[in-house]
Amino acid sequence: MTDHSNPDGESAAGDPPRRPRSGPRRADREKGLGHYLGLALSGAVLILVLALAALVVVIPKLAGGIPLTVLTSSMIPGFPPGTLIVDVPVKTDELRIGDVATYQIVSGKPGVITHRIIAIHNDSNGTRTFQFKGDNNDQPDPGEILADQVRGRVWYSLPYFGYVNNAVNGENRTWIVPVVAGLLFAYAAYTVATAIASARRQKRRRARRTASSPPSVP
């Protein structure tokens, strides 16, 4: 049997030259995979941020909801401190025992409590009152709550996102919202620009490889 290659790695006379196995295509594939994984992760983070922004700010505004933050442990384990709760206005004759609702401690004052309704009373004059109790409290809340004190029924909640609500809807709202919006737009622009630049680089690499490849021998 005759060996058609010489010790220097050059092909014997009459054979087409062999290209060295440097593996650039494998490196390109690995780089391309990492790039696309990075884009996928970046997109997932962006979607998550937008979804949270919708749940904390947009949806409550559109639905006329009231975002509040749980500050005490009276409603654990369902609503631990730091939980974001979103109330929606409700007709008081639609409230039922077992509903979690928010009421004003003093009618017309800003202070509120979010507890569970444990009793509903209707007197002969048609006045409807409610008895509330925290799930983690031994005793019900003092006094009975009038219908006009009820601000709304809990629609949904997000554990620990009450702190985000405090930041977004608190005193820092005037600068936090524009800054976050600007960062999101900048991030989106950077992601798009990076994807376009990467696609162009890969196109140029393919063109160079095609131009440098030796013609096929029949």
Protein backbone atom coordinates (compact mmCIF):
# COMPACT_ATOMS: atom_id res chain seq x y z
CA MET A 1 0.00 0.00 0.00
CA THR A 2 1.37 3.43 -0.92
CA ASP A 3 1.13 6.40 1.45
CA HIS A 4 0.01 9.46 -0.54
CA SER A 5 1.04 12.02 2.10
CA ASN A 6 4.51 13.22 3.01
CA PRO A 7 5.82 14.06 6.52
CA ASP A 8 5.31 17.79 6.03
CA GLY A 9 1.56 17.35 5.65
CA GLU A 10 1.68 18.22 1.96
CA SER A 11 -0.20 16.06 -0.50
CA ALA A 12 1.61 13.94 -3.00
CA ALA A 13 1.96 15.04 -6.59
CA GLY A 14 -1.30 14.95 -8.43
CA ASP A 15 -3.48 15.24 -5.30
CA PRO A 16 -5.26 18.52 -4.45
CA PRO A 17 -3.75 20.39 -1.50
CA ARG A 18 -5.31 19.60 1.87
CA ARG A 19 -6.63 22.36 4.08
CA PRO A 20 -5.38 22.36 7.66
CA ARG A 21 -7.96 21.49 10.30
CA SER A 22 -7.96 24.66 12.38
CA GLY A 23 -11.62 24.44 13.40
CA PRO A 24 -12.80 28.03 12.67
CA ARG A 25 -16.24 26.81 11.77
CA ARG A 26 -16.63 25.07 15.11
CA ALA A 27 -15.55 28.26 16.91
CA ASP A 28 -18.05 30.25 14.86
CA ARG A 29 -20.79 27.79 15.72
CA GLU A 30 -19.94 27.94 19.43
CA LYS A 31 -19.82 31.73 19.35
CA GLY A 32 -23.09 31.85 17.45
CA LEU A 33 -24.76 29.55 19.98
CA GLY A 34 -23.55 31.68 22.89
CA HIS A 35 -24.74 34.81 21.15
CA TYR A 36 -28.23 33.45 20.56
CA LEU A 37 -28.43 32.12 24.11
CA GLY A 38 -27.47 35.58 25.36
CA LEU A 39 -30.15 37.16 23.19
CA ALA A 40 -32.73 34.68 24.44
CA LEU A 41 -31.79 35.38 28.08
CA SER A 42 -31.84 39.14 27.49
CA GLY A 43 -35.25 38.89 25.84
CA ALA A 44 -36.60 36.82 28.74
CA VAL A 45 -35.35 39.39 31.27
CA LEU A 46 -36.89 42.22 29.27
CA ILE A 47 -40.23 40.42 29.04
CA LEU A 48 -40.14 39.74 32.79
CA VAL A 49 -39.45 43.39 33.59
CA LEU A 50 -42.25 44.54 31.29
CA ALA A 51 -44.67 42.00 32.78
CA LEU A 52 -43.87 43.16 36.31
CA ALA A 53 -44.26 46.78 35.27
CA ALA A 54 -47.67 45.90 33.83
CA LEU A 55 -48.75 44.10 37.02
CA VAL A 56 -47.48 46.84 39.34
CA VAL A 57 -48.40 49.97 37.37
CA VAL A 58 -50.27 49.55 34.08
CA ILE A 59 -53.01 47.03 34.92
CA PRO A 60 -54.04 48.73 38.20
CA LYS A 61 -54.30 52.05 36.37
CA LEU A 62 -56.35 50.67 33.50
CA ALA A 63 -58.70 48.76 35.80
CA GLY A 64 -59.10 51.57 38.28
CA GLY A 65 -57.32 49.43 40.85
CA ILE A 66 -55.59 50.54 44.00
CA PRO A 67 -52.08 49.13 44.58
CA LEU A 68 -51.21 48.78 48.26
CA THR A 69 -48.35 47.28 50.24
CA VAL A 70 -48.87 44.94 53.20
CA LEU A 71 -46.90 46.32 56.15
CA THR A 72 -47.76 43.94 59.00
CA SER A 73 -48.00 40.19 59.60
CA SER A 74 -51.74 40.19 60.39
CA MET A 75 -52.59 38.37 57.14
CA ILE A 76 -49.85 35.75 56.98
CA PRO A 77 -49.38 33.24 55.50
CA GLY A 78 -51.45 34.45 52.56
CA PHE A 79 -50.20 38.04 52.54
CA PRO A 80 -46.81 38.41 54.27
CA PRO A 81 -45.25 41.85 54.81
CA GLY A 82 -44.04 43.36 51.57
CA THR A 83 -46.81 41.79 49.49
CA LEU A 84 -48.30 43.95 46.76
CA ILE A 85 -52.10 43.75 46.75
CA VAL A 86 -54.30 45.36 44.12
CA ASP A 87 -57.84 46.26 45.12
CA VAL A 88 -60.64 46.95 42.69
CA PRO A 89 -63.74 48.95 43.56
CA VAL A 90 -66.72 46.74 44.35
CA LYS A 91 -70.36 47.28 45.27
CA THR A 92 -70.69 46.47 48.93
CA ASP A 93 -73.76 44.32 48.33
CA GLU A 94 -71.48 42.02 46.27
CA LEU A 95 -69.11 41.40 49.17
CA ARG A 96 -69.32 38.00 50.82
CA ILE A 97 -67.99 36.41 53.99
CA GLY A 98 -64.47 35.20 53.27
CA ASP A 99 -63.61 38.04 50.90
CA VAL A 100 -60.42 39.98 51.60
CA ALA A 101 -61.13 43.68 51.36
CA THR A 102 -59.63 47.02 52.31
CA TYR A 103 -61.41 49.55 54.48
CA GLN A 104 -60.68 52.97 55.88
CA ILE A 105 -59.91 52.94 59.60
CA VAL A 106 -61.74 56.24 59.88
CA SER A 107 -64.19 57.21 57.16
CA GLY A 108 -62.65 59.77 54.82
CA LYS A 109 -59.12 59.34 56.23
CA PRO A 110 -56.21 57.82 54.26
CA GLY A 111 -55.31 55.09 56.75
CA VAL A 112 -56.52 51.65 55.61
CA ILE A 113 -56.50 48.01 56.69
CA THR A 114 -56.80 44.93 54.47
CA HIS A 115 -58.40 42.00 56.32
CA ARG A 116 -60.90 39.22 55.72
CA ILE A 117 -64.65 39.65 56.16
CA ILE A 118 -65.90 37.27 58.84
CA ALA A 119 -69.45 38.59 59.30
CA ILE A 120 -71.99 40.81 57.53
CA HIS A 121 -74.89 42.47 59.29
CA ASN A 122 -77.98 44.15 57.85
CA ASP A 123 -80.17 46.09 60.25
CA SER A 124 -83.82 46.94 59.87
CA ASN A 125 -82.95 50.33 58.37
CA GLY A 126 -81.09 48.66 55.49
CA THR A 127 -77.66 49.63 56.83
CA ARG A 128 -75.01 47.08 55.91
CA THR A 129 -71.95 46.67 58.14
CA PHE A 130 -68.97 44.33 58.07
CA GLN A 131 -66.83 42.58 60.64
CA PHE A 132 -63.18 42.10 59.66
CA LYS A 133 -60.37 39.99 61.07
CA GLY A 134 -56.75 39.39 60.15
CA ASP A 135 -55.99 35.74 59.34
CA ASN A 136 -53.12 35.78 61.83
CA ASN A 137 -54.98 37.69 64.55
CA ASP A 138 -56.72 36.07 67.50
CA GLN A 139 -59.43 38.70 67.76
CA PRO A 140 -61.58 40.43 65.11
CA ASP A 141 -61.03 44.08 64.32
CA PRO A 142 -62.76 46.43 66.76
CA GLY A 143 -66.12 47.87 65.74
CA GLU A 144 -68.17 47.30 62.63
CA ILE A 145 -67.22 48.83 59.32
CA LEU A 146 -69.75 50.85 57.34
CA ALA A 147 -70.23 50.32 53.62
CA ASP A 148 -68.79 53.72 52.72
CA GLN A 149 -65.54 52.83 54.50
CA VAL A 150 -64.83 49.91 52.17
CA ARG A 151 -62.41 50.92 49.42
CA GLY A 152 -62.30 47.70 47.43
CA ARG A 153 -61.83 43.94 47.29
CA VAL A 154 -58.45 42.33 46.73
CA TRP A 155 -58.09 41.37 43.05
CA TYR A 156 -54.59 39.87 42.98
CA SER A 157 -51.37 39.93 44.98
CA LEU A 158 -47.62 39.60 44.37
CA PRO A 159 -45.39 38.59 47.29
CA TYR A 160 -42.57 41.05 48.05
CA PHE A 161 -43.42 43.37 45.16
CA GLY A 162 -44.99 45.83 47.54
CA TYR A 163 -41.52 47.31 47.97
CA VAL A 164 -41.44 47.94 44.22
CA ASN A 165 -44.86 49.54 44.49
CA ASN A 166 -43.62 51.83 47.27
CA ALA A 167 -40.72 52.94 45.10
CA VAL A 168 -42.77 53.42 41.93
CA ASN A 169 -45.80 55.08 43.52
CA GLY A 170 -44.06 56.86 46.38
CA GLU A 171 -42.20 60.14 46.59
CA ASN A 172 -39.49 58.88 44.18
CA ARG A 173 -41.99 58.26 41.38
CA THR A 174 -41.17 61.53 39.60
CA TRP A 175 -37.68 60.30 38.70
CA ILE A 176 -37.84 56.49 39.01
CA VAL A 177 -40.46 55.94 36.29
CA PRO A 178 -38.68 58.04 33.60
CA VAL A 179 -35.31 56.49 34.47
CA VAL A 180 -36.62 52.92 34.30
CA ALA A 181 -38.45 53.64 31.03
CA GLY A 182 -35.31 55.16 29.55
CA LEU A 183 -33.20 52.17 30.61
CA LEU A 184 -35.69 49.75 29.07
CA PHE A 185 -35.68 51.61 25.75
CA ALA A 186 -31.87 51.83 25.77
CA TYR A 187 -31.61 48.13 26.53
CA ALA A 188 -34.01 47.25 23.73
CA ALA A 189 -32.07 49.44 21.27
CA TYR A 190 -28.77 47.86 22.36
CA THR A 191 -30.18 44.34 21.91
CA VAL A 192 -31.45 45.11 18.41
CA ALA A 193 -28.22 46.83 17.38
CA THR A 194 -26.13 43.92 18.70
CA ALA A 195 -28.22 41.39 16.82
CA ILE A 196 -27.90 43.35 13.55
CA ALA A 197 -24.13 43.79 13.96
CA SER A 198 -23.65 40.10 14.74
CA ALA A 199 -25.67 39.06 11.69
CA ARG A 200 -23.55 41.30 9.46
CA ARG A 201 -20.30 39.92 10.91
CA GLN A 202 -21.41 36.35 10.31
CA LYS A 203 -22.43 37.24 6.75
CA ARG A 204 -18.98 38.72 6.09
CA ARG A 205 -17.26 35.63 7.55
CA ARG A 206 -19.27 33.33 5.32
CA ALA A 207 -18.41 35.48 2.30
CA ARG A 208 -14.67 35.36 3.14
CA ARG A 209 -14.74 31.59 3.62
CA THR A 210 -16.52 31.15 0.32
CA ALA A 211 -13.99 33.38 -1.47
CA SER A 212 -10.95 31.59 0.08
CA SER A 213 -12.21 28.05 -0.49
CA PRO A 214 -10.32 26.23 -3.33
CA PRO A 215 -12.39 25.23 -6.32
CA SER A 216 -13.66 21.70 -6.20
CA VAL A 217 -11.78 19.14 -8.32
CA PRO A 218 -13.98 16.85 -10.42
